[in-house]
Protein backbone atom coordinates (compact mmCIF):
# COMPACT_ATOMS: atom_id res chain seq x y z
CA MET A 1 1.78 4.40 12.03
CA ALA A 2 1.10 6.01 8.64
CA GLN A 3 1.10 2.58 6.98
CA ASP A 4 -1.61 1.45 9.40
CA LYS A 5 -3.73 4.44 8.45
CA ILE A 6 -3.14 3.83 4.75
CA GLN A 7 -4.18 0.19 5.10
CA LYS A 8 -7.27 1.18 7.08
CA ALA A 9 -8.22 3.76 4.43
CA LEU A 10 -7.76 1.19 1.65
CA LYS A 11 -10.00 -1.24 3.53
CA MET A 12 -12.60 1.51 3.91
CA ILE A 13 -12.55 2.04 0.15
CA ASP A 14 -12.88 -1.68 -0.51
CA SER A 15 -15.71 -2.21 1.95
CA PHE A 16 -17.69 0.94 1.13
CA ASP A 17 -21.19 0.42 -0.33
CA TRP A 18 -20.60 2.07 -3.71
CA PHE A 19 -24.09 1.18 -4.90
CA TRP A 20 -25.84 2.95 -2.01
CA SER A 21 -27.66 5.32 -4.37
CA MET A 22 -29.64 2.44 -5.79
CA ALA A 23 -31.05 1.34 -2.43
CA ASP A 24 -33.14 2.43 0.51
CA GLU A 25 -32.63 5.68 2.39
CA TRP A 26 -30.93 3.99 5.37
CA ARG A 27 -28.06 3.02 3.06
CA TYR A 28 -27.67 6.68 2.11
CA ASP A 29 -27.21 7.60 5.77
CA SER A 30 -24.75 4.75 6.22
CA ALA A 31 -22.81 5.79 3.11
CA LYS A 32 -22.64 9.38 4.30
CA ALA A 33 -21.25 8.24 7.65
CA GLY A 34 -18.71 6.07 5.84
CA MET A 35 -17.61 8.99 3.69
CA ARG A 36 -17.14 11.17 6.77
CA SER A 37 -15.10 8.47 8.49
CA PHE A 38 -12.85 8.13 5.44
CA VAL A 39 -12.28 11.89 5.23
CA SER A 40 -11.55 12.11 8.95
CA LEU A 41 -9.01 9.29 8.75
CA VAL A 42 -7.26 10.65 5.67
CA ASN A 43 -7.03 14.11 7.24
CA THR A 44 -4.94 12.63 10.07
CA ILE A 45 -2.18 11.59 7.63
CA ASP A 46 0.69 14.10 7.50
CA ASP A 47 1.95 13.33 3.99
CA GLU A 48 0.06 15.46 1.44
CA ASP A 49 0.93 13.11 -1.46
CA VAL A 50 -0.51 10.16 0.45
CA ARG A 51 -3.67 12.10 1.29
CA ARG A 52 -4.03 13.10 -2.36
CA ALA A 53 -3.53 9.50 -3.53
CA LEU A 54 -6.12 8.13 -1.10
CA ARG A 55 -8.64 10.78 -2.12
CA GLY A 56 -7.86 9.98 -5.74
CA LEU A 57 -8.52 6.29 -5.15
CA TRP A 58 -11.84 7.13 -3.50
CA THR A 59 -12.83 9.28 -6.47
CA LEU A 60 -11.73 6.64 -8.97
CA ARG A 61 -13.85 4.03 -7.22
CA TYR A 62 -16.84 6.39 -7.32
CA GLU A 63 -16.30 7.10 -11.03
CA GLU A 64 -15.86 3.40 -11.77
CA THR A 65 -19.09 2.53 -9.96
CA SER A 66 -20.99 5.33 -11.70
CA SER A 67 -19.77 4.09 -15.05
CA ILE A 68 -20.94 0.56 -14.24
CA ILE A 69 -24.37 1.87 -13.27
CA SER A 70 -24.61 3.86 -16.51
CA GLY A 71 -23.31 0.96 -18.60
CA HIS A 72 -20.09 2.63 -19.75
CA ASN A 73 -17.59 0.60 -17.69
CA ILE A 74 -14.56 2.91 -17.77
CA ASN A 75 -11.09 1.51 -17.17
CA VAL A 76 -9.27 3.18 -14.28
CA SER A 77 -6.51 0.61 -13.80
CA GLU A 78 -3.66 2.89 -14.94
CA GLN A 79 -4.76 5.72 -12.66
CA ARG A 80 -5.17 3.25 -9.80
CA LYS A 81 -1.61 1.97 -10.36
CA GLU A 82 -0.28 5.53 -10.18
CA TYR A 83 -2.01 6.21 -6.88
CA MET A 84 -0.94 2.86 -5.43
CA ALA A 85 2.68 3.60 -6.39
CA VAL A 86 2.51 6.77 -4.29
CA LEU A 87 1.19 4.78 -1.34
CA ALA A 88 3.89 2.12 -1.69
CA ALA A 89 6.72 4.68 -1.65
């Protein structure tokens, strides 16, 4: 059951519109709803380490997108690997 929730959360991260801030207002509302759905799902997972890792992945994706927008292109691959290792355990 937890693995299903983890996979669903990872799909939510992958399919989220990370560039919503550069678009029309309706995408803002959609992004906000997506963020709420992600938080609600993650809060149903009992394992604190898994919750922390999923939240970390969400934040990394946000930071990565922000860096792309600003032209800095940070590398988050090592941090991502650490979070994914927690999820695989």
